Amino acid sequence: MVIIWGQRMYGRVDRFAGSHVATRFFHFYYLPLIPLSSWLVLEEKEQGQFIGTQVPLQLRSVLLAWLRVASVIAGIGAISAVANALNPGAHWGIGELIGSIIYAAAALAFGLYAFARLGKLSAQEKAARVVYSDFAGRFVDVALLGDGRGAVKQRATEELDRHLVKHATASYRDAPQTSWRQIATRPDVRDVPLLRAALTRCRVEWSEASGEDRRALEVDHATILSNLQAAHPEIMQLDQFELRG
């Protein structure tokens, strides 16, 4: 008897422009059992090899891996139930037949949803990654870059310094250093380079914060992205980047 076990990547989420997040599991007969590590995959190679960086264990990826396996098992059960119901020798009643059909339809819908919709990025999340790429060089969530966040934050800060000076007023004398969030979240700001740098720095600082500070940065990030969409609607034209994935 051949026993199949080992390690494989499952739970791919956040796929965009050639990158995604996935989790390495210990598997038994290809069923993902124990999550071992999550990875930001930057480029896939042949035979399951890839270029990427390890990130903290991603709960969404782990749960989605299990959900997708559950949907496959449910689908197999649905096929079996319908086959049994249609077997002339089964002598199933009309209620049992209807029940098996409902179960099969629900299992199919669950499977399609698990594989086709769960773990997908929204249009806003994709647009944010396009902005981050100006400073990270990759279409990825800069919050996942680990040690690389420092360089991204530095580049974004330098860009902010160049553009915030012209927004400095009596109320913002120290704008390049401490007032970038107040300026970038103002509803009348339409300075696209400033907003792109502020969005990236806001995301990096969110990844380093906790508690109320993190929640405030999350709100500011959404506001800055909204301002950026108003100032530069073309940012939502994502087809050219989708082709890279």
Protein backbone atom coordinates (compact mmCIF):
# COMPACT_ATOMS: atom_id res chain seq x y z
CA MET A 1 0.00 0.00 0.00
CA VAL A 2 1.36 3.41 -1.00
CA ILE A 3 0.98 6.13 1.63
CA ILE A 4 1.05 9.62 0.20
CA TRP A 5 2.07 12.44 2.52
CA GLY A 6 4.31 15.48 2.54
CA GLN A 7 4.13 19.24 2.17
CA ARG A 8 2.24 21.25 -0.45
CA MET A 9 0.97 24.79 -0.95
CA TYR A 10 -2.75 25.37 -0.52
CA GLY A 11 -5.13 28.25 0.16
CA ARG A 12 -4.05 30.66 -2.53
CA VAL A 13 -5.55 34.11 -1.90
CA ASP A 14 -5.05 37.71 -3.04
CA ARG A 15 -3.85 36.79 -6.50
CA PHE A 16 -2.99 39.84 -8.58
CA ALA A 17 -0.47 40.73 -11.28
CA GLY A 18 1.55 37.56 -10.84
CA SER A 19 1.71 37.40 -7.05
CA HIS A 20 -0.42 35.74 -4.37
CA VAL A 21 -0.37 34.49 -0.80
CA ALA A 22 -0.50 30.76 -0.01
CA THR A 23 0.16 28.43 2.91
CA ARG A 24 2.39 25.38 3.06
CA PHE A 25 0.54 22.47 4.71
CA PHE A 26 1.45 19.01 5.85
CA HIS A 27 -0.87 16.87 3.75
CA PHE A 28 -2.03 13.26 3.92
CA TYR A 29 -3.30 11.94 0.59
CA TYR A 30 -3.33 15.57 -0.57
CA LEU A 31 -5.68 16.67 2.19
CA PRO A 32 -4.19 19.77 3.87
CA LEU A 33 -4.09 19.01 7.58
CA ILE A 34 -1.54 21.12 9.45
CA PRO A 35 -0.57 24.64 8.31
CA LEU A 36 3.20 25.10 8.51
CA SER A 37 3.97 28.53 7.05
CA SER A 38 2.46 31.19 4.80
CA TRP A 39 4.28 32.75 1.87
CA LEU A 40 4.02 35.81 -0.32
CA VAL A 41 4.65 34.22 -3.71
CA LEU A 42 6.19 36.66 -6.16
CA GLU A 43 6.82 34.29 -9.06
CA GLU A 44 5.91 30.66 -9.67
CA LYS A 45 8.36 28.23 -11.23
CA GLU A 46 8.02 24.69 -12.56
CA GLN A 47 7.43 21.66 -10.34
CA GLY A 48 5.94 23.64 -7.49
CA GLN A 49 8.96 25.90 -7.01
CA PHE A 50 8.53 29.61 -6.48
CA ILE A 51 10.25 32.87 -5.60
CA GLY A 52 8.80 34.54 -2.54
CA THR A 53 9.15 35.51 1.07
CA GLN A 54 7.75 33.96 4.22
CA VAL A 55 5.07 35.99 6.01
CA PRO A 56 3.20 35.48 9.29
CA LEU A 57 0.66 32.67 9.11
CA GLN A 58 -2.30 34.00 7.13
CA LEU A 59 -5.59 32.85 8.66
CA ARG A 60 -7.58 33.61 5.50
CA SER A 61 -5.33 31.35 3.47
CA VAL A 62 -5.50 28.55 6.06
CA LEU A 63 -9.30 28.68 6.37
CA LEU A 64 -9.78 28.88 2.61
CA ALA A 65 -7.59 25.80 2.07
CA TRP A 66 -9.78 23.81 4.44
CA LEU A 67 -12.99 25.24 2.97
CA ARG A 68 -11.98 24.31 -0.55
CA VAL A 69 -11.19 20.77 0.49
CA ALA A 70 -14.52 20.61 2.33
CA SER A 71 -16.29 21.77 -0.83
CA VAL A 72 -14.66 18.96 -2.83
CA ILE A 73 -15.68 16.38 -0.22
CA ALA A 74 -19.20 17.82 -0.17
CA GLY A 75 -19.33 17.60 -3.97
CA ILE A 76 -18.30 13.96 -3.93
CA GLY A 77 -20.98 13.30 -1.32
CA ALA A 78 -23.54 15.11 -3.46
CA ILE A 79 -22.71 13.01 -6.52
CA SER A 80 -22.96 9.86 -4.43
CA ALA A 81 -26.30 10.93 -2.96
CA VAL A 82 -27.82 11.69 -6.37
CA ALA A 83 -26.47 8.44 -7.82
CA ASN A 84 -28.05 6.47 -4.97
CA ALA A 85 -31.33 8.34 -5.35
CA LEU A 86 -31.49 7.52 -9.07
CA ASN A 87 -30.64 3.86 -8.53
CA PRO A 88 -33.80 1.88 -9.40
CA GLY A 89 -33.15 -0.47 -6.53
CA ALA A 90 -32.86 2.27 -3.94
CA HIS A 91 -36.63 2.74 -3.50
CA TRP A 92 -36.19 6.30 -2.29
CA GLY A 93 -39.28 8.37 -1.61
CA ILE A 94 -39.96 11.68 -3.30
CA GLY A 95 -38.89 13.57 -0.18
CA GLU A 96 -35.53 11.81 -0.06
CA LEU A 97 -35.00 12.42 -3.79
CA ILE A 98 -35.75 16.13 -3.45
CA GLY A 99 -33.48 16.30 -0.40
CA SER A 100 -30.58 14.74 -2.30
CA ILE A 101 -31.04 17.14 -5.21
CA ILE A 102 -31.10 20.16 -2.85
CA TYR A 103 -27.96 18.85 -1.12
CA ALA A 104 -26.23 18.39 -4.48
CA ALA A 105 -27.16 21.90 -5.62
CA ALA A 106 -25.98 23.43 -2.34
CA ALA A 107 -22.70 21.52 -2.49
CA LEU A 108 -22.13 22.65 -6.07
CA ALA A 109 -22.87 26.29 -5.20
CA PHE A 110 -20.56 26.10 -2.17
CA GLY A 111 -17.77 24.61 -4.28
CA LEU A 112 -18.08 27.24 -6.99
CA TYR A 113 -18.08 30.02 -4.39
CA ALA A 114 -15.07 28.59 -2.54
CA PHE A 115 -12.96 28.31 -5.69
CA ALA A 116 -14.22 31.25 -7.73
CA ARG A 117 -14.94 34.02 -5.20
CA LEU A 118 -13.37 33.48 -1.80
CA GLY A 119 -9.89 34.89 -1.39
CA LYS A 120 -10.27 37.39 -4.23
CA LEU A 121 -9.16 41.01 -3.90
CA SER A 122 -11.65 43.81 -4.32
CA ALA A 123 -11.06 46.43 -7.03
CA GLN A 124 -10.01 48.91 -4.34
CA GLU A 125 -7.48 46.48 -2.89
CA LYS A 126 -6.01 45.87 -6.33
CA ALA A 127 -5.80 49.60 -7.01
CA ALA A 128 -3.94 50.06 -3.72
CA ARG A 129 -1.41 47.42 -4.77
CA VAL A 130 -0.83 49.27 -8.03
CA VAL A 131 0.01 52.35 -5.97
CA TYR A 132 2.27 50.39 -3.62
CA SER A 133 4.22 49.10 -6.62
CA ASP A 134 5.59 52.62 -7.18
CA PHE A 135 7.56 52.20 -3.96
CA ALA A 136 7.87 48.42 -3.52
CA GLY A 137 8.57 47.46 -7.13
CA ARG A 138 5.99 44.66 -6.83
CA PHE A 139 2.19 44.53 -6.97
CA VAL A 140 1.90 43.30 -3.40
CA ASP A 141 0.54 44.39 -0.05
CA VAL A 142 3.43 46.31 1.50
CA ALA A 143 2.19 45.26 4.95
CA LEU A 144 3.55 41.78 4.17
CA LEU A 145 7.06 42.77 3.18
CA GLY A 146 8.63 42.29 6.62
CA ASP A 147 12.10 43.82 6.76
CA GLY A 148 11.52 45.33 3.33
CA ARG A 149 8.89 47.68 4.73
CA GLY A 150 11.60 50.02 6.00
CA ALA A 151 12.87 50.77 2.50
CA VAL A 152 9.33 51.21 1.19
CA LYS A 153 8.47 53.60 4.02
CA GLN A 154 11.64 55.58 3.37
CA ARG A 155 10.88 55.98 -0.33
CA ALA A 156 7.30 57.01 0.42
CA THR A 157 8.46 59.49 3.05
CA GLU A 158 10.94 61.08 0.68
CA GLU A 159 8.18 61.49 -1.89
CA LEU A 160 5.90 62.99 0.75
CA ASP A 161 8.61 65.47 1.76
CA ARG A 162 8.83 66.72 -1.81
CA HIS A 163 5.11 67.29 -2.20
CA LEU A 164 3.93 68.30 1.27
CA VAL A 165 5.97 71.49 1.38
CA LYS A 166 3.63 73.26 -1.01
CA HIS A 167 0.68 72.30 1.23
CA ALA A 168 2.28 73.71 4.36
CA THR A 169 0.38 76.65 5.83
CA ALA A 170 0.32 78.31 9.22
CA SER A 171 -1.55 75.24 10.44
CA TYR A 172 0.92 72.84 8.86
CA ARG A 173 4.34 74.35 9.42
CA ASP A 174 5.78 70.88 10.12
CA ALA A 175 3.90 69.22 7.25
CA PRO A 176 6.78 67.17 5.83
CA GLN A 177 7.40 65.49 9.16
CA THR A 178 4.13 65.00 11.03
CA SER A 179 1.10 66.38 9.19
CA TRP A 180 0.99 64.19 6.11
CA ARG A 181 -2.06 62.25 7.34
CA GLN A 182 -4.03 65.41 8.12
CA ILE A 183 -3.28 66.78 4.67
CA ALA A 184 -3.79 63.57 2.67
CA THR A 185 -7.17 62.90 4.31
CA ARG A 186 -8.56 66.36 3.57
CA PRO A 187 -11.48 65.99 1.12
CA ASP A 188 -10.16 68.75 -1.16
CA VAL A 189 -6.68 67.28 -1.71
CA ARG A 190 -6.09 66.22 -5.33
CA ASP A 191 -2.29 66.03 -5.38
CA VAL A 192 -1.87 62.58 -6.93
CA PRO A 193 1.86 62.00 -6.14
CA LEU A 194 1.27 63.09 -2.55
CA LEU A 195 -1.75 60.80 -2.18
CA ARG A 196 0.11 57.81 -3.68
CA ALA A 197 2.99 58.25 -1.24
CA ALA A 198 0.64 58.84 1.69
CA LEU A 199 -1.39 55.72 0.88
CA THR A 200 1.74 53.57 0.86
CA ARG A 201 3.19 55.03 4.05
CA CYS A 202 -0.19 54.72 5.77
CA ARG A 203 -0.32 50.99 4.96
CA VAL A 204 3.23 50.43 6.22
CA GLU A 205 2.52 52.29 9.45
CA TRP A 206 -0.70 50.29 9.85
CA SER A 207 1.34 47.08 9.74
CA GLU A 208 3.57 48.42 12.54
CA ALA A 209 0.77 49.77 14.76
CA SER A 210 -1.73 48.16 17.11
CA GLY A 211 -4.96 48.96 18.93
CA GLU A 212 -6.56 52.34 18.35
CA ASP A 213 -3.60 53.57 16.30
CA ARG A 214 -4.07 50.70 13.84
CA ARG A 215 -7.80 51.32 13.54
CA ALA A 216 -7.20 55.05 12.94
CA LEU A 217 -4.64 54.26 10.24
CA GLU A 218 -7.09 51.87 8.58
CA VAL A 219 -9.70 54.63 8.41
CA ASP A 220 -7.15 57.10 7.06
CA HIS A 221 -6.00 54.59 4.44
CA ALA A 222 -9.56 54.22 3.16
CA THR A 223 -9.99 58.00 3.07
CA ILE A 224 -6.72 58.56 1.21
CA LEU A 225 -7.63 55.87 -1.33
CA SER A 226 -11.01 57.54 -1.85
CA ASN A 227 -9.29 60.89 -2.41
CA LEU A 228 -6.91 59.25 -4.85
CA GLN A 229 -9.77 57.70 -6.82
CA ALA A 230 -11.43 61.11 -7.05
CA ALA A 231 -8.21 62.78 -8.18
CA HIS A 232 -7.15 60.01 -10.56
CA PRO A 233 -10.09 57.80 -11.65
CA GLU A 234 -7.85 55.92 -14.07
CA ILE A 235 -6.39 54.09 -11.09
CA MET A 236 -9.39 51.76 -11.24
CA GLN A 237 -8.54 50.64 -14.79
CA LEU A 238 -6.95 47.36 -13.74
CA ASP A 239 -7.20 45.19 -16.85
CA GLN A 240 -3.58 45.76 -17.87
CA PHE A 241 -2.41 44.50 -14.48
CA GLU A 242 -4.81 41.54 -14.39
CA LEU A 243 -3.11 40.18 -17.50
CA ARG A 244 0.12 39.81 -15.55
CA GLY A 245 -1.47 37.26 -13.21
